[in-house]
Amino acid sequence: MDLAKLSLPTEVYPQITETIIGAEEAIRETAPYGAAILVGAFIMSKVAKVVSNKWTQIDKLASAELSYKPTRHQTKLGKFVRGMVAGTALTAVGSGFVGALDAVGEEVQEGPNRPIATLIEEQRHGAYNLLGTGANSSILSSNKEAMFMNTQYIDRRKLDNLSKAAAEAGINVSPFYTSFANYENADGIDNSALVIVPGENTVSANCDEPLRVSVDKTGGSKIGDQGLLNGVPIVVTQVTGDSSSMNRVGIKMDESSFACYTGIDNMPYFGAVVNRYDGQPVNQDAMDGLIIESGLHNKAVLIDAASFKDVNKDFWSKNAAAIFLISKILTASAIGLGAAGLKKSYIQNQRREISMMLADGGTKFDIQVIESLRALKEGLVGGAAGVLAAPVIATVFNAAVNGLEAGITPQNAAEGVVFVSLVNLYAAKSAAKTAANFEPAEIMG
């Protein structure tokens, strides 16, 4: 027997990863429809109540937990705590956390593309005032899998020659540098930073003075603050937005300041933003010819901006999608276990009502409907509260990781509602099994 044939093919792991990524995206996209279906089911139960006496009784029993009345031995506080936990608080916390986790997961996948998009727009509308949109921009890099987090360079002299030749053909080539650094702000707080440097020098920096930089809003700095960038003194002259990279504060400086910072003149570039002056897409064949003429054949490739962003997103999706999907499932499962315990406890307190219903002709299916309807109400009421809680929880995550800018979208919020509603419905099924064991004769004799 050839044992080698029993090993898993190398394609299995990528297939699993792609399946998880696809599942994450499908859940996020369909969550609003799922929430709408749950709301529709609740509305239909109210309609049925109007036309059916049995449904009137079912709705009354299903609503009992949300308006729980204490016995004379219980305090008002006990009533409040029990009713809130059973009815809304548990599902609200679960919904809020699931929604926030989904938002953070989305930010981890999308956030690294924020400084790329900002760089493209600034190169187009800043010093060059080019026509068209960023959709027609391209990135010149050393390879097709290039990312800002990778160490890669393109020969400076050859790229400068390419830039000059391209300009004659109506193509703008704007070189830039990138670097990772530690940014210590004015409060002495350390932050990981992504430094981006456009290759056009506009100011001659004095290396003996603090270097002038702009810092993204996530860095917790304001204009005039002084700090350190890898131990080099800097001063904040502008606070910007949309240049952080998921877990790194965005910092920009001009080329001469970057030379002071590194201590190296004429460093090789990371790459370049490429656009046509007339705003039209760059002709790949024409650009390939210019690349060859400049001596960069097999040393630089032109990638459209969308593909460059996709490389970043794919990398982070493959590394993060499974983690956040599992985190959401575990959070929802914990809520489900808690809900199951609460429901079984409550079922015991409703023993008399349920036994009377069984004696009056009610069925085990009726009990399942009662518990499912109660769970649906809790899921929707708690989910609505979770929609309000999710942005607060996301803000806590953002505060904990500088550079993170997770924001709650309708899809994130809907996913939280759907997750907790479904686990609540499953918990109701478990509670209904307990109720189904009650005997009508227990209280009728």
Protein backbone atom coordinates (compact mmCIF):
# COMPACT_ATOMS: atom_id res chain seq x y z
CA MET A 1 0.00 0.00 0.00
CA ASP A 2 1.29 3.42 -0.97
CA LEU A 3 0.90 5.53 2.19
CA ALA A 4 1.59 8.70 0.22
CA LYS A 5 -1.72 8.24 -1.55
CA LEU A 6 -3.51 8.38 1.81
CA SER A 7 -2.29 11.87 2.66
CA LEU A 8 -4.53 14.88 2.19
CA PRO A 9 -3.99 16.78 -1.06
CA THR A 10 -2.36 20.18 -0.70
CA GLU A 11 -5.51 21.81 -2.06
CA VAL A 12 -7.60 20.74 0.94
CA TYR A 13 -6.51 23.52 3.31
CA PRO A 14 -7.15 26.36 0.79
CA GLN A 15 -10.54 24.80 0.01
CA ILE A 16 -11.47 24.76 3.70
CA THR A 17 -10.32 28.36 4.07
CA GLU A 18 -12.28 29.50 1.03
CA THR A 19 -15.35 27.68 2.33
CA ILE A 20 -15.11 29.47 5.68
CA ILE A 21 -14.63 32.85 3.99
CA GLY A 22 -17.60 32.16 1.73
CA ALA A 23 -19.73 31.12 4.71
CA GLU A 24 -18.80 34.31 6.58
CA GLU A 25 -19.74 36.51 3.65
CA ALA A 26 -22.96 34.60 2.99
CA ILE A 27 -24.06 34.85 6.63
CA ARG A 28 -23.33 38.59 6.68
CA GLU A 29 -25.21 39.23 3.43
CA THR A 30 -28.26 37.12 4.28
CA ALA A 31 -28.56 38.17 7.95
CA PRO A 32 -30.92 41.11 7.22
CA TYR A 33 -33.26 38.76 5.36
CA GLY A 34 -33.10 36.30 8.25
CA ALA A 35 -34.01 39.06 10.70
CA ALA A 36 -36.91 40.08 8.44
CA ILE A 37 -38.19 36.49 8.41
CA LEU A 38 -38.07 36.36 12.23
CA VAL A 39 -39.98 39.63 12.49
CA GLY A 40 -42.48 38.31 9.93
CA ALA A 41 -43.01 35.15 11.98
CA PHE A 42 -43.70 37.25 15.06
CA ILE A 43 -46.22 39.40 13.17
CA MET A 44 -47.96 36.28 11.85
CA SER A 45 -48.33 34.96 15.41
CA LYS A 46 -50.10 38.18 16.35
CA VAL A 47 -52.39 37.88 13.35
CA ALA A 48 -53.22 34.28 14.29
CA LYS A 49 -54.09 35.44 17.80
CA VAL A 50 -56.92 37.57 16.36
CA VAL A 51 -58.58 34.67 14.48
CA SER A 52 -57.94 31.73 16.82
CA ASN A 53 -58.87 31.19 20.45
CA LYS A 54 -56.12 28.62 20.82
CA TRP A 55 -53.57 31.11 19.53
CA THR A 56 -54.91 33.66 21.99
CA GLN A 57 -54.10 31.24 24.82
CA ILE A 58 -50.74 30.37 23.28
CA ASP A 59 -49.82 34.04 22.92
CA LYS A 60 -50.85 34.75 26.51
CA LEU A 61 -48.66 31.96 27.88
CA ALA A 62 -45.80 32.87 25.56
CA SER A 63 -45.93 36.46 26.85
CA ALA A 64 -45.92 35.43 30.49
CA GLU A 65 -42.15 35.39 30.87
CA LEU A 66 -41.77 38.94 29.61
CA SER A 67 -44.30 40.20 32.18
CA TYR A 68 -43.35 37.81 34.95
CA LYS A 69 -45.25 38.44 38.18
CA PRO A 70 -43.47 37.51 41.41
CA THR A 71 -44.97 35.53 44.21
CA ARG A 72 -45.50 37.26 47.53
CA HIS A 73 -42.19 35.83 48.71
CA GLN A 74 -40.22 37.63 45.98
CA THR A 75 -39.06 41.24 46.03
CA LYS A 76 -39.62 43.76 43.26
CA LEU A 77 -35.89 43.63 42.58
CA GLY A 78 -36.14 39.87 42.15
CA LYS A 79 -38.97 40.38 39.66
CA PHE A 80 -36.97 42.95 37.73
CA VAL A 81 -33.76 40.89 37.59
CA ARG A 82 -35.53 37.67 36.62
CA GLY A 83 -37.70 39.32 34.00
CA MET A 84 -34.82 41.29 32.48
CA VAL A 85 -32.40 38.37 32.39
CA ALA A 86 -34.97 35.92 31.05
CA GLY A 87 -36.55 38.34 28.61
CA THR A 88 -33.95 40.73 27.23
CA ALA A 89 -30.59 41.15 28.95
CA LEU A 90 -29.10 37.78 28.05
CA THR A 91 -30.06 38.01 24.39
CA ALA A 92 -29.11 41.70 24.27
CA VAL A 93 -25.58 40.97 25.46
CA GLY A 94 -25.27 38.07 23.04
CA SER A 95 -26.63 40.05 20.11
CA GLY A 96 -24.37 43.01 20.90
CA PHE A 97 -21.24 40.88 21.16
CA VAL A 98 -21.97 38.88 18.00
CA GLY A 99 -22.66 42.08 16.05
CA ALA A 100 -19.48 43.72 17.38
CA LEU A 101 -17.35 40.65 16.67
CA ASP A 102 -18.67 40.56 13.11
CA ALA A 103 -17.82 44.25 12.69
CA VAL A 104 -14.28 43.71 14.05
CA GLY A 105 -13.82 40.70 11.77
CA GLU A 106 -14.89 42.80 8.80
CA GLU A 107 -12.51 45.57 9.85
CA VAL A 108 -9.60 43.11 10.12
CA GLN A 109 -10.25 42.04 6.52
CA GLU A 110 -10.99 45.48 5.07
CA GLY A 111 -8.92 47.81 7.28
CA PRO A 112 -5.52 47.16 5.65
CA ASN A 113 -6.93 48.56 2.39
CA ARG A 114 -7.78 51.94 3.95
CA PRO A 115 -4.29 53.49 3.59
CA ILE A 116 -4.05 52.11 0.04
CA ALA A 117 -7.26 53.87 -0.99
CA THR A 118 -6.19 57.07 0.77
CA LEU A 119 -2.77 57.02 -0.91
CA ILE A 120 -4.34 56.61 -4.36
CA GLU A 121 -6.78 59.47 -3.83
CA GLU A 122 -4.10 61.81 -2.42
CA GLN A 123 -1.72 61.09 -5.28
CA ARG A 124 -4.51 61.84 -7.76
CA HIS A 125 -6.04 64.93 -6.16
CA GLY A 126 -3.10 66.27 -4.16
CA ALA A 127 -0.01 67.35 -6.05
CA TYR A 128 -1.22 66.06 -9.41
CA ASN A 129 -4.94 66.93 -9.61
CA LEU A 130 -5.57 64.10 -12.07
CA LEU A 131 -8.87 63.44 -13.81
CA GLY A 132 -11.04 60.34 -13.48
CA THR A 133 -11.61 58.13 -10.45
CA GLY A 134 -9.51 55.91 -8.25
CA ALA A 135 -11.07 52.92 -10.01
CA ASN A 136 -8.77 53.65 -12.96
CA SER A 137 -5.61 53.70 -10.81
CA SER A 138 -2.97 50.99 -10.73
CA ILE A 139 -0.09 50.07 -8.42
CA LEU A 140 3.42 49.32 -9.62
CA SER A 141 5.12 46.84 -7.28
CA SER A 142 7.86 44.26 -7.34
CA ASN A 143 5.43 41.31 -7.51
CA LYS A 144 1.73 40.49 -7.81
CA GLU A 145 1.44 39.40 -4.16
CA ALA A 146 2.89 42.62 -2.74
CA MET A 147 1.39 44.08 0.44
CA PHE A 148 2.40 47.03 2.58
CA MET A 149 3.34 44.61 5.35
CA ASN A 150 5.96 42.99 3.07
CA THR A 151 9.52 44.23 2.69
CA GLN A 152 10.02 44.89 -1.01
CA TYR A 153 11.73 47.51 -3.11
CA ILE A 154 12.03 48.75 -6.68
CA ASP A 155 15.29 50.26 -7.93
CA ARG A 156 15.01 54.02 -7.46
CA ARG A 157 16.99 55.14 -10.52
CA LYS A 158 15.11 52.81 -12.87
CA LEU A 159 11.73 53.82 -11.43
CA ASP A 160 12.61 57.50 -11.85
CA ASN A 161 13.48 56.79 -15.49
CA LEU A 162 10.16 54.98 -15.90
CA SER A 163 8.32 57.94 -14.40
CA LYS A 164 9.90 60.34 -16.92
CA ALA A 165 9.21 58.08 -19.91
CA ALA A 166 5.63 57.46 -18.78
CA ALA A 167 4.95 61.19 -18.42
CA GLU A 168 5.73 61.65 -22.11
CA ALA A 169 3.07 59.00 -22.87
CA GLY A 170 0.44 60.78 -20.74
CA ILE A 171 0.88 58.45 -17.77
CA ASN A 172 1.61 59.67 -14.24
CA VAL A 173 3.86 57.43 -12.11
CA SER A 174 4.01 58.60 -8.47
CA PRO A 175 6.58 56.66 -6.41
CA PHE A 176 6.13 56.14 -2.68
CA TYR A 177 7.81 54.53 0.32
CA THR A 178 6.35 52.54 3.19
CA SER A 179 7.81 51.58 6.53
CA PHE A 180 6.68 50.09 9.83
CA ALA A 181 7.61 51.89 13.03
CA ASN A 182 6.81 52.38 16.68
CA TYR A 183 5.04 55.67 17.38
CA GLU A 184 5.17 57.02 20.92
CA ASN A 185 2.64 59.81 21.24
CA ALA A 186 2.75 62.84 23.56
CA ASP A 187 1.19 60.79 26.37
CA GLY A 188 3.97 58.24 26.17
CA ILE A 189 1.68 55.57 24.69
CA ASP A 190 3.32 53.24 22.17
CA ASN A 191 1.51 52.51 18.91
CA SER A 192 2.41 50.35 15.94
CA ALA A 193 2.50 52.64 12.92
CA LEU A 194 2.45 52.39 9.14
CA VAL A 195 4.54 55.21 7.64
CA ILE A 196 3.70 56.23 4.07
CA VAL A 197 5.88 58.66 2.15
CA PRO A 198 4.96 60.09 -1.28
CA GLY A 199 8.06 60.22 -3.46
CA GLU A 200 7.67 63.89 -4.41
CA ASN A 201 9.66 66.09 -2.06
CA THR A 202 7.87 69.35 -1.27
CA VAL A 203 9.71 70.58 1.87
CA SER A 204 13.36 70.49 2.83
CA ALA A 205 13.43 69.11 6.35
CA ASN A 206 15.84 70.24 9.06
CA CYS A 207 17.09 66.99 10.54
CA ASP A 208 18.09 68.75 13.76
CA GLU A 209 14.49 69.65 14.54
CA PRO A 210 11.46 67.41 15.22
CA LEU A 211 10.27 66.01 11.91
CA ARG A 212 6.88 67.26 10.70
CA VAL A 213 4.34 64.47 10.24
CA SER A 214 0.61 63.95 9.87
CA VAL A 215 -0.96 61.32 12.14
CA ASP A 216 -4.21 59.44 11.76
CA LYS A 217 -6.95 60.23 14.30
CA THR A 218 -6.58 56.76 15.84
CA GLY A 219 -3.16 57.78 17.20
CA GLY A 220 -4.72 59.91 19.94
CA SER A 221 -2.69 62.98 18.93
CA LYS A 222 -3.53 66.59 18.20
CA ILE A 223 -1.78 69.29 16.20
CA GLY A 224 1.35 70.51 17.97
CA ASP A 225 1.92 67.28 19.91
CA GLN A 226 5.46 65.98 19.98
CA GLY A 227 6.38 62.32 20.05
CA LEU A 228 8.90 59.75 18.91
CA LEU A 229 8.99 57.60 15.78
CA ASN A 230 11.43 54.77 16.44
CA GLY A 231 13.12 57.17 18.86
CA VAL A 232 13.31 60.04 16.35
CA PRO A 233 11.59 63.28 17.56
CA ILE A 234 8.53 64.31 15.54
CA VAL A 235 5.85 66.98 15.74
CA VAL A 236 2.25 66.53 14.57
CA THR A 237 1.28 69.18 12.00
CA GLN A 238 -1.95 67.55 10.81
CA VAL A 239 -4.46 65.00 12.11
CA THR A 240 -6.03 62.97 9.30
CA GLY A 241 -8.61 60.24 8.88
CA ASP A 242 -8.78 57.01 6.92
CA SER A 243 -5.07 56.20 6.89
CA SER A 244 -4.92 53.69 9.75
CA SER A 245 -4.40 50.06 8.84
CA MET A 246 -6.55 47.87 11.12
CA ASN A 247 -3.96 47.64 13.89
CA ARG A 248 -1.50 50.34 12.86
CA VAL A 249 -1.78 54.11 13.15
CA GLY A 250 -1.24 55.85 9.81
CA ILE A 251 1.63 58.38 9.66
CA LYS A 252 2.69 60.42 6.64
CA MET A 253 5.78 62.52 6.09
CA ASP A 254 7.55 64.05 3.12
CA GLU A 255 10.57 62.51 1.45
CA SER A 256 13.22 64.75 2.99
CA SER A 257 11.83 64.07 6.49
CA PHE A 258 11.91 60.36 5.69
CA ALA A 259 15.60 60.69 4.76
CA CYS A 260 16.24 62.33 8.14
CA TYR A 261 14.24 59.61 9.87
CA THR A 262 16.09 56.69 8.20
CA GLY A 263 19.46 58.42 7.86
CA ILE A 264 19.56 57.25 4.25
CA ASP A 265 19.28 59.38 1.14
CA ASN A 266 17.78 58.09 -2.10
CA MET A 267 16.27 54.90 -0.69
CA PRO A 268 14.67 52.51 -3.18
CA TYR A 269 10.91 52.89 -3.48
CA PHE A 270 8.25 50.44 -2.33
CA GLY A 271 6.27 51.07 -5.49
CA ALA A 272 4.25 53.69 -7.32
CA VAL A 273 0.69 54.80 -7.99
CA VAL A 274 0.03 54.86 -11.74
CA ASN A 275 -2.70 56.90 -13.51
CA ARG A 276 -3.34 58.43 -16.88
CA TYR A 277 -3.57 62.22 -16.92
CA ASP A 278 -6.85 62.04 -18.86
CA GLY A 279 -8.44 59.77 -16.23
CA GLN A 280 -8.73 56.74 -18.52
CA PRO A 281 -7.47 53.27 -17.47
CA VAL A 282 -3.76 52.69 -18.01
CA ASN A 283 -3.01 50.57 -21.07
CA GLN A 284 -1.30 47.43 -19.81
CA ASP A 285 0.65 46.74 -23.01
CA ALA A 286 1.93 50.31 -23.23
CA MET A 287 3.01 50.25 -19.61
CA ASP A 288 4.69 46.85 -19.99
CA GLY A 289 6.74 48.28 -22.86
CA LEU A 290 7.84 51.23 -20.73
CA ILE A 291 8.75 48.88 -17.89
CA ILE A 292 10.99 46.88 -20.20
CA GLU A 293 12.62 50.02 -21.63
CA SER A 294 13.40 51.24 -18.11
CA GLY A 295 15.21 48.02 -17.18
CA LEU A 296 12.51 46.81 -14.78
CA HIS A 297 11.47 43.74 -16.76
CA ASN A 298 10.72 40.90 -14.27
CA LYS A 299 11.47 43.36 -11.46
CA ALA A 300 8.21 45.32 -11.45
CA VAL A 301 4.62 44.55 -12.37
CA LEU A 302 1.55 46.72 -12.88
CA ILE A 303 -1.52 45.70 -10.85
CA ASP A 304 -4.87 47.48 -11.02
CA ALA A 305 -5.80 49.03 -7.67
CA ALA A 306 -8.74 46.68 -7.10
CA SER A 307 -6.54 43.60 -7.52
CA PHE A 308 -3.90 45.07 -5.20
CA LYS A 309 -6.58 45.54 -2.54
CA ASP A 310 -7.91 42.03 -3.13
CA VAL A 311 -4.47 40.59 -2.32
CA ASN A 312 -4.57 42.34 1.06
CA LYS A 313 -8.15 41.34 1.77
CA ASP A 314 -7.59 37.71 0.78
CA PHE A 315 -4.57 37.43 3.05
CA TRP A 316 -6.36 38.80 6.11
CA SER A 317 -9.56 36.93 5.34
CA LYS A 318 -7.69 33.62 5.25
CA ASN A 319 -6.10 34.42 8.60
CA ALA A 320 -9.09 35.95 10.38
CA ALA A 321 -12.36 34.57 8.98
CA ALA A 322 -12.23 31.25 10.86
CA ILE A 323 -11.24 32.92 14.14
CA PHE A 324 -14.13 35.36 14.11
CA LEU A 325 -16.69 32.83 12.85
CA ILE A 326 -15.75 30.48 15.70
CA SER A 327 -15.84 33.39 18.17
CA LYS A 328 -19.38 34.29 17.09
CA ILE A 329 -20.53 30.67 17.28
CA LEU A 330 -19.02 30.25 20.77
CA THR A 331 -20.63 33.50 21.96
CA ALA A 332 -24.03 32.45 20.61
CA SER A 333 -23.61 28.95 22.07
CA ALA A 334 -22.87 30.37 25.52
CA ILE A 335 -26.01 32.49 25.26
CA GLY A 336 -27.95 29.40 24.17
CA LEU A 337 -26.78 27.39 27.16
CA GLY A 338 -27.71 30.20 29.52
CA ALA A 339 -31.10 30.59 27.85
CA ALA A 340 -31.78 26.85 28.06
CA GLY A 341 -31.12 26.87 31.80
CA LEU A 342 -33.37 29.88 32.35
CA LYS A 343 -36.16 28.42 30.27
CA LYS A 344 -36.14 25.06 32.04
CA SER A 345 -36.26 26.87 35.35
CA TYR A 346 -39.16 28.97 34.17
CA ILE A 347 -41.01 25.94 32.80
CA GLN A 348 -41.13 24.56 36.33
CA ASN A 349 -42.77 27.77 37.52
CA GLN A 350 -45.39 27.44 34.75
CA ARG A 351 -46.17 23.83 35.64
CA ARG A 352 -49.76 24.55 36.66
CA GLU A 353 -50.63 26.53 33.53
CA ILE A 354 -49.06 23.97 31.21
CA SER A 355 -50.78 21.04 32.94
CA MET A 356 -54.10 22.85 32.70
CA MET A 357 -53.52 23.40 29.01
CA LEU A 358 -52.77 19.71 28.47
CA ALA A 359 -55.90 18.74 30.40
CA ASP A 360 -57.90 21.12 28.24
CA GLY A 361 -56.86 19.39 25.04
CA GLY A 362 -53.52 21.03 24.41
CA THR A 363 -50.81 19.00 22.71
CA LYS A 364 -47.06 18.70 23.01
CA PHE A 365 -46.86 20.60 19.73
CA ASP A 366 -48.78 23.47 21.33
CA ILE A 367 -46.18 23.59 24.09
CA GLN A 368 -43.40 23.69 21.53
CA VAL A 369 -45.15 26.58 19.77
CA ILE A 370 -45.53 28.45 23.09
CA GLU A 371 -41.86 28.09 23.94
CA SER A 372 -40.76 28.93 20.40
CA LEU A 373 -42.91 32.05 20.35
CA ARG A 374 -41.59 33.10 23.74
CA ALA A 375 -38.02 32.54 22.52
CA LEU A 376 -38.73 34.52 19.36
CA LYS A 377 -39.99 37.44 21.40
CA GLU A 378 -36.94 37.36 23.64
CA GLY A 379 -34.64 37.15 20.64
CA LEU A 380 -36.23 40.13 18.91
CA VAL A 381 -36.56 42.28 22.05
CA GLY A 382 -33.04 41.41 23.21
CA GLY A 383 -31.72 41.71 19.67
CA ALA A 384 -33.16 45.22 19.37
CA ALA A 385 -31.37 46.16 22.59
CA GLY A 386 -28.24 44.45 21.24
CA VAL A 387 -28.34 46.71 18.18
CA LEU A 388 -27.82 49.61 20.57
CA ALA A 389 -25.18 47.74 22.57
CA ALA A 390 -23.10 46.62 19.56
CA PRO A 391 -21.62 50.08 18.73
CA VAL A 392 -20.63 50.50 22.38
CA ILE A 393 -18.87 47.13 22.40
CA ALA A 394 -17.19 47.89 19.06
CA THR A 395 -15.95 51.20 20.50
CA VAL A 396 -14.32 49.27 23.35
CA PHE A 397 -12.52 47.06 20.82
CA ASN A 398 -11.41 50.15 18.88
CA ALA A 399 -10.05 51.74 22.05
CA ALA A 400 -8.13 48.58 22.89
CA VAL A 401 -6.39 48.38 19.49
CA ASN A 402 -5.11 51.64 18.01
CA GLY A 403 -5.73 51.72 14.27
CA LEU A 404 -8.88 49.60 14.54
CA GLU A 405 -11.96 51.38 13.20
CA ALA A 406 -14.75 48.83 13.49
CA GLY A 407 -18.17 50.32 12.81
CA ILE A 408 -21.55 48.61 13.06
CA THR A 409 -23.42 48.19 9.78
CA PRO A 410 -27.02 46.94 9.38
CA GLN A 411 -25.57 43.57 8.34
CA ASN A 412 -23.50 43.32 11.53
CA ALA A 413 -26.48 44.23 13.72
CA ALA A 414 -28.82 41.84 11.87
CA GLU A 415 -26.32 39.01 12.26
CA GLY A 416 -26.33 39.51 16.02
CA VAL A 417 -30.14 39.38 16.11
CA VAL A 418 -30.30 36.25 13.95
CA PHE A 419 -27.58 34.38 15.88
CA VAL A 420 -29.15 34.89 19.32
CA SER A 421 -32.69 34.34 18.05
CA LEU A 422 -31.74 30.99 16.54
CA VAL A 423 -29.93 29.75 19.65
CA ASN A 424 -32.83 31.00 21.75
CA LEU A 425 -35.24 29.00 19.59
CA TYR A 426 -33.04 25.93 20.03
CA ALA A 427 -33.04 26.47 23.79
CA ALA A 428 -36.85 26.66 23.63
CA LYS A 429 -36.94 23.24 22.01
CA SER A 430 -35.02 21.81 24.96
CA ALA A 431 -37.34 23.52 27.44
CA ALA A 432 -40.42 22.23 25.60
CA LYS A 433 -39.22 18.65 26.04
CA THR A 434 -39.28 19.19 29.79
CA ALA A 435 -42.80 20.64 29.65
CA ALA A 436 -44.03 17.82 27.44
CA ASN A 437 -43.38 15.37 30.29
CA PHE A 438 -45.94 17.06 32.54
CA GLU A 439 -49.14 15.06 33.15
CA PRO A 440 -52.56 16.74 32.91
CA ALA A 441 -53.69 14.82 35.99
CA GLU A 442 -51.01 16.31 38.20
CA ILE A 443 -53.18 19.27 39.24
CA MET A 444 -56.65 18.23 38.14
CA GLY A 445 -57.47 15.75 40.87
